[in-house]
N, C-alpha and C. Protein backbone atom coordinates (compact mmCIF):
# COMPACT_ATOMS: atom_id res chain seq x y z
N MET A 1 63.40 0.75 -102.03
CA MET A 1 62.34 1.60 -101.55
C MET A 1 61.16 1.65 -102.51
N GLN A 2 61.46 1.69 -103.78
CA GLN A 2 60.38 1.81 -104.75
C GLN A 2 59.54 0.54 -104.81
N SER A 3 60.13 -0.58 -104.49
CA SER A 3 59.37 -1.83 -104.56
C SER A 3 58.53 -2.08 -103.31
N GLU A 4 58.74 -1.27 -102.27
CA GLU A 4 58.01 -1.48 -101.01
C GLU A 4 56.50 -1.38 -101.17
N PRO A 5 55.93 -0.38 -101.83
CA PRO A 5 54.47 -0.34 -101.99
C PRO A 5 53.93 -1.56 -102.73
N ALA A 6 54.65 -2.00 -103.75
CA ALA A 6 54.21 -3.19 -104.49
C ALA A 6 54.26 -4.43 -103.59
N GLN A 7 55.31 -4.52 -102.78
CA GLN A 7 55.43 -5.66 -101.86
C GLN A 7 54.32 -5.63 -100.82
N ARG A 8 54.03 -4.45 -100.32
CA ARG A 8 52.93 -4.32 -99.35
C ARG A 8 51.60 -4.73 -99.97
N ALA A 9 51.37 -4.34 -101.18
CA ALA A 9 50.14 -4.70 -101.87
C ALA A 9 50.07 -6.22 -102.07
N ALA A 10 51.19 -6.82 -102.44
CA ALA A 10 51.23 -8.28 -102.61
C ALA A 10 51.00 -8.99 -101.28
N ASP A 11 51.61 -8.46 -100.22
CA ASP A 11 51.42 -9.05 -98.89
C ASP A 11 49.96 -8.94 -98.45
N LEU A 12 49.37 -7.78 -98.70
CA LEU A 12 47.97 -7.58 -98.33
C LEU A 12 47.07 -8.54 -99.10
N GLN A 13 47.33 -8.71 -100.37
CA GLN A 13 46.53 -9.65 -101.17
C GLN A 13 46.69 -11.07 -100.66
N ALA A 14 47.91 -11.46 -100.33
CA ALA A 14 48.15 -12.81 -99.79
C ALA A 14 47.42 -12.98 -98.46
N PHE A 15 47.48 -11.96 -97.62
CA PHE A 15 46.78 -12.02 -96.34
C PHE A 15 45.28 -12.17 -96.55
N ARG A 16 44.72 -11.43 -97.48
CA ARG A 16 43.28 -11.52 -97.76
C ARG A 16 42.89 -12.91 -98.25
N GLU A 17 43.73 -13.48 -99.09
CA GLU A 17 43.45 -14.84 -99.59
C GLU A 17 43.51 -15.87 -98.48
N ILE A 18 44.52 -15.74 -97.62
CA ILE A 18 44.65 -16.66 -96.48
C ILE A 18 43.45 -16.51 -95.55
N ARG A 19 43.07 -15.27 -95.27
CA ARG A 19 41.94 -15.03 -94.38
C ARG A 19 40.64 -15.58 -94.97
N ALA A 20 40.44 -15.39 -96.26
CA ALA A 20 39.23 -15.91 -96.90
C ALA A 20 39.19 -17.43 -96.82
N GLU A 21 40.33 -18.06 -97.04
CA GLU A 21 40.39 -19.53 -96.95
C GLU A 21 40.11 -20.00 -95.52
N GLN A 22 40.69 -19.31 -94.55
CA GLN A 22 40.45 -19.68 -93.16
C GLN A 22 38.99 -19.46 -92.77
N ASN A 23 38.39 -18.39 -93.24
CA ASN A 23 36.97 -18.15 -92.95
C ASN A 23 36.09 -19.24 -93.56
N ALA A 24 36.44 -19.66 -94.76
CA ALA A 24 35.67 -20.74 -95.40
C ALA A 24 35.84 -22.05 -94.63
N ASP A 25 37.07 -22.33 -94.21
CA ASP A 25 37.32 -23.54 -93.41
C ASP A 25 36.56 -23.49 -92.08
N LEU A 26 36.56 -22.34 -91.45
CA LEU A 26 35.86 -22.17 -90.18
C LEU A 26 34.35 -22.35 -90.36
N ALA A 27 33.81 -21.80 -91.41
CA ALA A 27 32.37 -21.95 -91.67
C ALA A 27 32.03 -23.42 -91.90
N GLU A 28 32.89 -24.13 -92.64
CA GLU A 28 32.67 -25.55 -92.88
C GLU A 28 32.74 -26.35 -91.58
N THR A 29 33.70 -26.02 -90.74
CA THR A 29 33.85 -26.70 -89.46
C THR A 29 32.64 -26.44 -88.57
N ARG A 30 32.17 -25.22 -88.54
CA ARG A 30 30.99 -24.89 -87.74
C ARG A 30 29.78 -25.69 -88.21
N GLU A 31 29.61 -25.81 -89.52
CA GLU A 31 28.48 -26.57 -90.05
C GLU A 31 28.60 -28.06 -89.68
N GLU A 32 29.82 -28.58 -89.73
CA GLU A 32 30.04 -29.97 -89.32
C GLU A 32 29.69 -30.16 -87.86
N VAL A 33 30.10 -29.23 -87.02
CA VAL A 33 29.81 -29.33 -85.59
C VAL A 33 28.31 -29.28 -85.36
N ARG A 34 27.61 -28.38 -86.04
CA ARG A 34 26.14 -28.32 -85.91
C ARG A 34 25.51 -29.65 -86.32
N SER A 35 25.98 -30.20 -87.42
CA SER A 35 25.45 -31.46 -87.91
C SER A 35 25.71 -32.59 -86.92
N LEU A 36 26.92 -32.64 -86.39
CA LEU A 36 27.25 -33.70 -85.43
C LEU A 36 26.45 -33.55 -84.13
N ARG A 37 26.26 -32.32 -83.67
CA ARG A 37 25.43 -32.11 -82.47
C ARG A 37 24.02 -32.61 -82.72
N SER A 38 23.49 -32.29 -83.88
CA SER A 38 22.14 -32.74 -84.23
C SER A 38 22.08 -34.26 -84.27
N LEU A 39 23.10 -34.88 -84.84
CA LEU A 39 23.16 -36.34 -84.90
C LEU A 39 23.22 -36.94 -83.50
N VAL A 40 24.03 -36.38 -82.63
CA VAL A 40 24.13 -36.90 -81.26
C VAL A 40 22.79 -36.78 -80.56
N ARG A 41 22.14 -35.64 -80.69
CA ARG A 41 20.83 -35.47 -80.04
C ARG A 41 19.81 -36.48 -80.57
N ALA A 42 19.78 -36.66 -81.88
CA ALA A 42 18.85 -37.63 -82.47
C ALA A 42 19.17 -39.03 -81.98
N PHE A 43 20.44 -39.36 -81.89
CA PHE A 43 20.84 -40.69 -81.43
C PHE A 43 20.45 -40.89 -79.97
N VAL A 44 20.58 -39.85 -79.16
CA VAL A 44 20.19 -39.94 -77.75
C VAL A 44 18.70 -40.28 -77.64
N PHE A 45 17.87 -39.59 -78.39
CA PHE A 45 16.44 -39.88 -78.34
C PHE A 45 16.14 -41.30 -78.82
N TYR A 46 16.82 -41.72 -79.86
CA TYR A 46 16.63 -43.07 -80.40
C TYR A 46 17.01 -44.13 -79.37
N VAL A 47 18.15 -43.97 -78.75
CA VAL A 47 18.61 -44.94 -77.75
C VAL A 47 17.67 -44.92 -76.54
N ASN A 48 17.21 -43.75 -76.14
CA ASN A 48 16.25 -43.68 -75.03
C ASN A 48 14.97 -44.43 -75.35
N ASP A 49 14.48 -44.29 -76.58
CA ASP A 49 13.28 -45.02 -77.00
C ASP A 49 13.52 -46.53 -76.98
N LEU A 50 14.67 -46.94 -77.50
CA LEU A 50 14.98 -48.38 -77.48
C LEU A 50 15.10 -48.91 -76.06
N SER A 51 15.73 -48.13 -75.19
CA SER A 51 15.87 -48.54 -73.79
C SER A 51 14.50 -48.66 -73.12
N ALA A 52 13.61 -47.71 -73.42
CA ALA A 52 12.27 -47.76 -72.85
C ALA A 52 11.52 -49.01 -73.34
N GLN A 53 11.68 -49.35 -74.63
CA GLN A 53 11.05 -50.56 -75.16
C GLN A 53 11.59 -51.81 -74.47
N MET A 54 12.89 -51.82 -74.24
CA MET A 54 13.48 -52.98 -73.54
C MET A 54 12.89 -53.11 -72.14
N ARG A 55 12.79 -51.98 -71.44
CA ARG A 55 12.26 -52.02 -70.06
C ARG A 55 10.79 -52.48 -70.05
N GLN A 56 10.04 -52.06 -71.07
CA GLN A 56 8.64 -52.50 -71.16
C GLN A 56 8.55 -54.01 -71.32
N GLN A 57 9.55 -54.61 -71.91
CA GLN A 57 9.58 -56.06 -72.10
C GLN A 57 10.28 -56.79 -70.96
N GLY A 58 10.62 -56.02 -69.90
CA GLY A 58 11.26 -56.63 -68.74
C GLY A 58 12.75 -56.87 -68.91
N ILE A 59 13.36 -56.22 -69.86
CA ILE A 59 14.79 -56.36 -70.09
C ILE A 59 15.48 -55.07 -69.66
N GLU A 60 16.44 -55.19 -68.77
CA GLU A 60 17.19 -54.01 -68.34
C GLU A 60 18.34 -53.78 -69.33
N PRO A 61 18.36 -52.62 -70.00
CA PRO A 61 19.45 -52.37 -70.96
C PRO A 61 20.79 -52.26 -70.22
N PRO A 62 21.88 -52.53 -70.93
CA PRO A 62 23.19 -52.41 -70.29
C PRO A 62 23.47 -50.96 -69.89
N ALA A 63 24.28 -50.81 -68.87
CA ALA A 63 24.65 -49.47 -68.43
C ALA A 63 25.47 -48.79 -69.53
N PRO A 64 25.22 -47.52 -69.75
CA PRO A 64 25.98 -46.81 -70.78
C PRO A 64 27.43 -46.60 -70.35
N PRO A 65 28.31 -46.41 -71.31
CA PRO A 65 29.70 -46.10 -70.99
C PRO A 65 29.80 -44.79 -70.21
N ALA A 66 30.92 -44.59 -69.55
CA ALA A 66 31.13 -43.39 -68.73
C ALA A 66 30.97 -42.11 -69.55
N ARG A 67 31.43 -42.11 -70.76
CA ARG A 67 31.34 -40.90 -71.59
C ARG A 67 29.89 -40.53 -71.86
N ILE A 68 29.03 -41.53 -72.01
CA ILE A 68 27.60 -41.27 -72.22
C ILE A 68 26.99 -40.72 -70.94
N GLU A 69 27.36 -41.29 -69.81
CA GLU A 69 26.87 -40.76 -68.52
C GLU A 69 27.25 -39.30 -68.38
N GLU A 70 28.49 -38.98 -68.74
CA GLU A 70 28.95 -37.59 -68.66
C GLU A 70 28.13 -36.68 -69.57
N TYR A 71 27.87 -37.14 -70.79
CA TYR A 71 27.05 -36.35 -71.72
C TYR A 71 25.64 -36.15 -71.17
N ASN A 72 25.06 -37.22 -70.61
CA ASN A 72 23.71 -37.11 -70.06
C ASN A 72 23.66 -36.12 -68.89
N ARG A 73 24.74 -36.08 -68.13
CA ARG A 73 24.81 -35.17 -66.98
C ARG A 73 25.04 -33.73 -67.41
N THR A 74 25.95 -33.53 -68.36
CA THR A 74 26.40 -32.19 -68.68
C THR A 74 25.91 -31.65 -70.01
N GLY A 75 25.51 -32.53 -70.92
CA GLY A 75 25.11 -32.09 -72.25
C GLY A 75 26.28 -31.76 -73.15
N VAL A 76 27.47 -32.09 -72.67
CA VAL A 76 28.69 -31.80 -73.44
C VAL A 76 29.47 -33.07 -73.65
């Protein structure tokens, strides 16, 4: 019984450390997702510009893969 408060305090400290680590991991993951979204958007504009240049030269660019069509339709 006497060790219970000390054990609770140790458990609480462990929980706080785990939560802090998870929050840091989540923040890092969110930043990665933001960065990747930005990269995808930039790549979309780049590929669109290249495709437009090809069309100006009378070259029809290849059809994009199905996943790209889905992204263009849904943005996801």
